[in-house]
């Protein structure tokens, strides 16, 4: 059996897309980016594929996020060789077994650059919702606009810092652009109180065809424990599921309160991702 690593080019776009479509929810992050940018190293990063007898068994995006799709144990050491000692990414994301195998290989071989992490989320249940929730929606939820930018940015920074354990500004000013883009693209929803303060927010992340991924769910600390997030998310889904009837998310397995909330909304578990944050 012949196997090996290949760097994919523009001509491989359809082939890679077909491979990712085998697990469309699990691979939404990379599939959406290839749909938007094609396989263009300048805009996306390098895309490597591992093949057995001409068939793709794994794909790796070497970009700001290192994303691995599929699982092939022989692909992991090949990826370690290709990535080398210089780390350019800020995170590793993908199916749990592949992410953890790749991280261990990199950290053991190149401990200085790949071994020092902010945190490792070893198992993040991947969940999907394919019908409107039965939970009564909170009608205060609306699409956020650039008028909400100052408060939405503050909420986003708090959410990121709570989740990752460090400031999003440690990599420079790119986070502000990211937040503005979410508002401009109509991907941010929230509840704004009478003082103009965002007290709940949730975002749409990667989108492709009929599916979108939920990200960045946050409730103001002084309002937590009051049951706000579940009806608020229901209110958001009533607005977005006409366009995207399949909503997915991944959540830390230790966040049992969030998992119960998602289950009440109708989400079911379909797999598990993992994330390594640097």
Protein backbone atom coordinates (compact mmCIF):
# COMPACT_ATOMS: atom_id res chain seq x y z
CA UNK A 1 0.00 0.00 0.00
CA UNK A 2 1.42 3.36 -1.03
CA UNK A 3 0.96 6.26 1.38
CA UNK A 4 2.41 9.70 1.83
CA UNK A 5 1.99 13.40 2.41
CA UNK A 6 1.08 15.84 -0.37
CA UNK A 7 0.76 19.62 -0.29
CA UNK A 8 -2.53 20.46 -1.95
CA UNK A 9 -2.97 23.19 -4.54
CA UNK A 10 -5.80 25.06 -6.22
CA UNK A 11 -6.53 22.12 -8.52
CA UNK A 12 -7.25 19.94 -5.48
CA UNK A 13 -10.04 22.14 -4.14
CA UNK A 14 -12.95 19.92 -5.20
CA UNK A 15 -11.17 16.78 -4.03
CA UNK A 16 -10.50 18.21 -0.58
CA UNK A 17 -14.07 19.53 -0.36
CA UNK A 18 -15.44 16.05 -1.10
CA UNK A 19 -13.26 14.57 1.63
CA UNK A 20 -14.43 17.16 4.17
CA UNK A 21 -18.06 16.61 3.17
CA UNK A 22 -17.87 13.05 4.53
CA UNK A 23 -18.11 14.60 8.00
CA UNK A 24 -19.68 17.98 7.31
CA UNK A 25 -20.38 18.99 10.92
CA UNK A 26 -16.99 17.92 12.23
CA UNK A 27 -15.15 19.62 9.36
CA UNK A 28 -17.25 22.78 9.06
CA UNK A 29 -14.41 25.11 10.07
CA UNK A 30 -12.10 24.05 7.24
CA UNK A 31 -14.82 23.36 4.66
CA UNK A 32 -16.23 26.87 5.08
CA UNK A 33 -12.81 28.46 4.65
CA UNK A 34 -12.00 26.48 1.52
CA UNK A 35 -15.43 27.40 0.14
CA UNK A 36 -14.63 31.08 0.72
CA UNK A 37 -10.95 31.26 -0.18
CA UNK A 38 -10.17 28.13 -2.18
CA UNK A 39 -6.82 26.50 -1.51
CA UNK A 40 -4.78 29.68 -1.48
CA UNK A 41 -1.74 29.68 0.78
CA UNK A 42 -1.65 33.47 1.05
CA UNK A 43 -5.21 33.74 2.35
CA UNK A 44 -5.76 30.38 4.04
CA UNK A 45 -2.41 28.80 4.84
CA UNK A 46 -0.90 25.59 3.52
CA UNK A 47 -3.18 22.57 3.10
CA UNK A 48 -1.59 19.14 3.32
CA UNK A 49 -3.25 15.83 2.54
CA UNK A 50 -2.26 12.32 3.58
CA UNK A 51 -3.06 9.66 1.01
CA UNK A 52 -3.27 5.88 0.86
CA UNK A 53 -3.29 4.44 -2.67
CA UNK A 54 -4.46 7.78 -4.01
CA UNK A 55 -7.28 8.20 -1.47
CA UNK A 56 -7.24 11.02 1.07
CA UNK A 57 -7.41 9.79 4.65
CA UNK A 58 -6.51 13.02 6.45
CA UNK A 59 -6.16 16.74 5.72
CA UNK A 60 -4.26 19.38 7.67
CA UNK A 61 -4.59 23.17 7.46
CA UNK A 62 -1.37 24.91 8.53
CA UNK A 63 -2.68 28.40 9.22
CA UNK A 64 -3.43 30.67 12.16
CA UNK A 65 -5.48 27.75 13.41
CA UNK A 66 -3.96 24.33 12.81
CA UNK A 67 -6.99 22.25 11.79
CA UNK A 68 -6.80 18.51 11.25
CA UNK A 69 -9.60 16.58 9.51
CA UNK A 70 -10.00 12.82 9.58
CA UNK A 71 -7.87 10.29 11.44
CA UNK A 72 -4.97 8.26 10.12
CA UNK A 73 -2.28 7.30 12.67
CA UNK A 74 0.42 7.28 9.98
CA UNK A 75 -0.45 10.85 9.00
CA UNK A 76 0.46 12.26 12.42
CA UNK A 77 4.25 11.74 12.31
CA UNK A 78 4.25 12.97 8.71
CA UNK A 79 2.52 16.16 9.82
CA UNK A 80 5.00 16.58 12.68
CA UNK A 81 7.88 16.36 10.20
CA UNK A 82 6.25 18.87 7.87
CA UNK A 83 5.34 21.40 10.56
CA UNK A 84 8.78 21.36 12.16
CA UNK A 85 10.04 23.34 15.15
CA UNK A 86 8.60 26.75 14.20
CA UNK A 87 5.05 27.21 15.47
CA UNK A 88 2.98 29.78 13.56
CA UNK A 89 -0.49 28.89 14.81
CA UNK A 90 -2.31 30.04 17.94
CA UNK A 91 -4.38 26.86 18.33
CA UNK A 92 -4.89 23.28 17.14
CA UNK A 93 -8.47 22.18 16.44
CA UNK A 94 -10.19 19.08 15.09
CA UNK A 95 -11.48 15.65 16.10
CA UNK A 96 -10.19 14.83 19.57
CA UNK A 97 -8.17 11.72 18.71
CA UNK A 98 -6.33 13.49 15.88
CA UNK A 99 -5.67 16.74 17.75
CA UNK A 100 -4.29 15.03 20.84
CA UNK A 101 -2.13 12.68 18.77
CA UNK A 102 -0.72 15.55 16.73
CA UNK A 103 -0.10 17.71 19.81
CA UNK A 104 1.74 14.92 21.65
CA UNK A 105 3.91 14.27 18.61
CA UNK A 106 4.81 17.93 18.22
CA UNK A 107 5.34 18.60 21.93
CA UNK A 108 7.58 15.57 22.41
CA UNK A 109 9.75 16.41 19.42
CA UNK A 110 9.74 20.22 19.60
CA UNK A 111 9.00 20.91 23.26
CA UNK A 112 10.22 24.50 23.27
CA UNK A 113 7.85 25.80 20.60
CA UNK A 114 4.96 23.32 20.74
CA UNK A 115 4.94 22.20 24.36
CA UNK A 116 4.08 25.49 26.10
CA UNK A 117 0.29 25.95 26.01
CA UNK A 118 -2.38 28.16 27.58
CA UNK A 119 -4.74 25.22 27.96
CA UNK A 120 -5.77 21.92 26.40
CA UNK A 121 -9.44 21.05 26.02
CA UNK A 122 -9.13 17.28 25.62
CA UNK A 123 -12.77 16.54 24.91
CA UNK A 124 -15.38 18.97 23.64
CA UNK A 125 -18.69 17.31 22.76
CA UNK A 126 -19.80 18.22 19.24
CA UNK A 127 -23.55 18.80 19.22
CA UNK A 128 -26.17 19.55 16.58
CA UNK A 129 -29.66 21.04 16.49
CA UNK A 130 -31.89 20.41 13.45
CA UNK A 131 -35.23 21.80 14.63
CA UNK A 132 -36.50 24.91 16.38
CA UNK A 133 -36.28 24.64 20.17
CA UNK A 134 -39.44 24.07 22.18
CA UNK A 135 -38.08 26.46 24.80
CA UNK A 136 -40.02 29.77 24.64
CA UNK A 137 -37.73 32.31 22.97
CA UNK A 138 -36.58 35.51 24.64
CA UNK A 139 -37.90 38.20 22.29
CA UNK A 140 -35.32 40.73 23.46
CA UNK A 141 -32.61 39.03 21.40
CA UNK A 142 -31.73 40.98 18.28
CA UNK A 143 -29.06 41.30 15.65
CA UNK A 144 -26.27 43.48 16.98
CA UNK A 145 -24.94 46.34 14.87
CA UNK A 146 -21.93 48.64 14.80
CA UNK A 147 -23.82 50.92 17.20
CA UNK A 148 -23.33 48.17 19.79
CA UNK A 149 -19.60 47.84 19.07
CA UNK A 150 -18.07 49.23 22.30
CA UNK A 151 -20.17 47.05 24.59
CA UNK A 152 -20.03 44.02 22.27
CA UNK A 153 -16.23 44.28 22.16
CA UNK A 154 -16.08 44.41 25.96
CA UNK A 155 -18.35 41.37 26.23
CA UNK A 156 -16.29 39.50 23.63
CA UNK A 157 -13.04 40.22 25.45
CA UNK A 158 -14.54 38.99 28.73
CA UNK A 159 -15.82 35.84 27.01
CA UNK A 160 -12.44 35.10 25.41
CA UNK A 161 -10.50 35.73 28.62
CA UNK A 162 -12.87 33.54 30.66
CA UNK A 163 -12.59 30.72 28.14
CA UNK A 164 -8.89 30.81 27.21
CA UNK A 165 -7.40 32.25 30.37
CA UNK A 166 -5.53 35.06 28.62
CA UNK A 167 -6.30 38.30 26.78
CA UNK A 168 -7.16 38.17 23.06
CA UNK A 169 -4.88 41.18 22.61
CA UNK A 170 -1.74 39.17 23.34
CA UNK A 171 -1.43 38.64 19.56
CA UNK A 172 -1.94 42.32 18.70
CA UNK A 173 -4.92 44.32 17.49
CA UNK A 174 -6.44 41.66 15.26
CA UNK A 175 -9.19 40.82 17.75
CA UNK A 176 -10.82 44.21 17.35
CA UNK A 177 -11.00 43.67 13.58
CA UNK A 178 -12.44 40.20 14.18
CA UNK A 179 -15.18 41.63 16.42
CA UNK A 180 -16.03 44.37 13.92
CA UNK A 181 -16.24 41.84 11.11
CA UNK A 182 -18.75 39.77 13.08
CA UNK A 183 -20.96 42.83 13.46
CA UNK A 184 -20.58 43.90 9.82
CA UNK A 185 -21.37 40.40 8.57
CA UNK A 186 -24.51 40.08 10.69
CA UNK A 187 -23.17 37.22 12.77
CA UNK A 188 -23.62 38.68 16.28
CA UNK A 189 -26.82 38.45 18.32
CA UNK A 190 -27.52 39.67 21.81
CA UNK A 191 -29.62 41.35 24.45
CA UNK A 192 -28.88 45.01 25.15
CA UNK A 193 -30.21 46.57 28.35
CA UNK A 194 -31.69 50.03 28.78
CA UNK A 195 -28.22 51.51 29.34
CA UNK A 196 -26.96 50.21 26.02
CA UNK A 197 -24.92 47.43 27.62
CA UNK A 198 -24.72 43.98 26.03
CA UNK A 199 -25.78 41.54 28.76
CA UNK A 200 -26.01 38.43 26.57
CA UNK A 201 -24.29 37.62 23.31
CA UNK A 202 -23.83 34.70 20.94
CA UNK A 203 -22.26 34.52 17.51
CA UNK A 204 -22.43 32.56 14.30
CA UNK A 205 -19.01 31.25 13.39
CA UNK A 206 -18.27 29.12 10.31
CA UNK A 207 -21.16 28.80 7.86
CA UNK A 208 -21.60 26.62 4.78
CA UNK A 209 -24.71 25.75 2.79
CA UNK A 210 -27.45 24.94 5.31
CA UNK A 211 -25.35 24.80 8.47
CA UNK A 212 -23.74 27.26 10.86
CA UNK A 213 -21.74 26.91 14.06
CA UNK A 214 -22.68 28.63 17.30
CA UNK A 215 -19.80 30.34 19.09
CA UNK A 216 -19.05 32.92 21.76
CA UNK A 217 -22.02 32.42 24.09
CA UNK A 218 -21.69 34.80 27.06
CA UNK A 219 -23.88 36.16 29.85
CA UNK A 220 -22.87 39.13 32.00
CA UNK A 221 -21.44 37.78 35.28
CA UNK A 222 -23.97 39.54 37.52
CA UNK A 223 -26.83 37.84 35.66
CA UNK A 224 -25.52 34.29 35.59
CA UNK A 225 -27.54 31.56 37.25
CA UNK A 226 -30.86 33.19 36.36
CA UNK A 227 -31.70 31.01 33.37
CA UNK A 228 -31.08 33.72 30.77
CA UNK A 229 -28.99 31.87 28.20
CA UNK A 230 -31.40 29.07 27.24
CA UNK A 231 -34.39 31.26 26.19
CA UNK A 232 -31.97 33.81 24.73
CA UNK A 233 -30.42 31.16 22.48
CA UNK A 234 -33.90 30.01 21.53
CA UNK A 235 -34.63 33.59 20.51
CA UNK A 236 -31.48 33.67 18.39
CA UNK A 237 -32.27 30.35 16.71
CA UNK A 238 -35.77 31.51 15.77
CA UNK A 239 -34.04 34.25 13.79
CA UNK A 240 -31.24 32.29 12.15
CA UNK A 241 -32.56 28.76 11.50
CA UNK A 242 -34.61 29.80 8.50
CA UNK A 243 -31.26 30.41 6.78
CA UNK A 244 -29.26 27.73 8.60
CA UNK A 245 -31.53 24.85 9.64
CA UNK A 246 -28.61 22.87 11.07
CA UNK A 247 -26.79 24.51 13.99
CA UNK A 248 -23.72 22.91 15.55
CA UNK A 249 -21.47 23.76 18.48
CA UNK A 250 -18.72 22.29 20.59
CA UNK A 251 -18.50 22.76 24.34
CA UNK A 252 -16.03 21.88 27.07
CA UNK A 253 -17.01 18.57 28.66
CA UNK A 254 -16.61 20.01 32.17
CA UNK A 255 -19.19 22.73 31.48
CA UNK A 256 -22.13 20.61 32.58
CA UNK A 257 -24.47 23.59 33.00
CA UNK A 258 -23.98 24.62 29.37
CA UNK A 259 -24.39 21.04 28.14
CA UNK A 260 -27.70 20.71 30.02
CA UNK A 261 -28.84 24.02 28.54
CA UNK A 262 -28.01 22.85 25.01
CA UNK A 263 -29.81 19.56 25.63
CA UNK A 264 -32.93 21.45 26.75
CA UNK A 265 -32.78 23.35 23.46
CA UNK A 266 -32.73 20.04 21.58
CA UNK A 267 -29.04 19.59 20.76
CA UNK A 268 -27.70 16.04 20.52
CA UNK A 269 -24.09 14.88 20.68
CA UNK A 270 -22.59 13.57 17.42
CA UNK A 271 -18.85 13.45 18.17
CA UNK A 272 -16.03 15.15 20.05
CA UNK A 273 -13.46 17.79 19.15
CA UNK A 274 -10.39 18.94 21.04
CA UNK A 275 -8.56 22.28 21.13
CA UNK A 276 -5.04 23.19 22.14
CA UNK A 277 -4.60 26.91 22.84
CA UNK A 278 -1.19 28.60 22.81
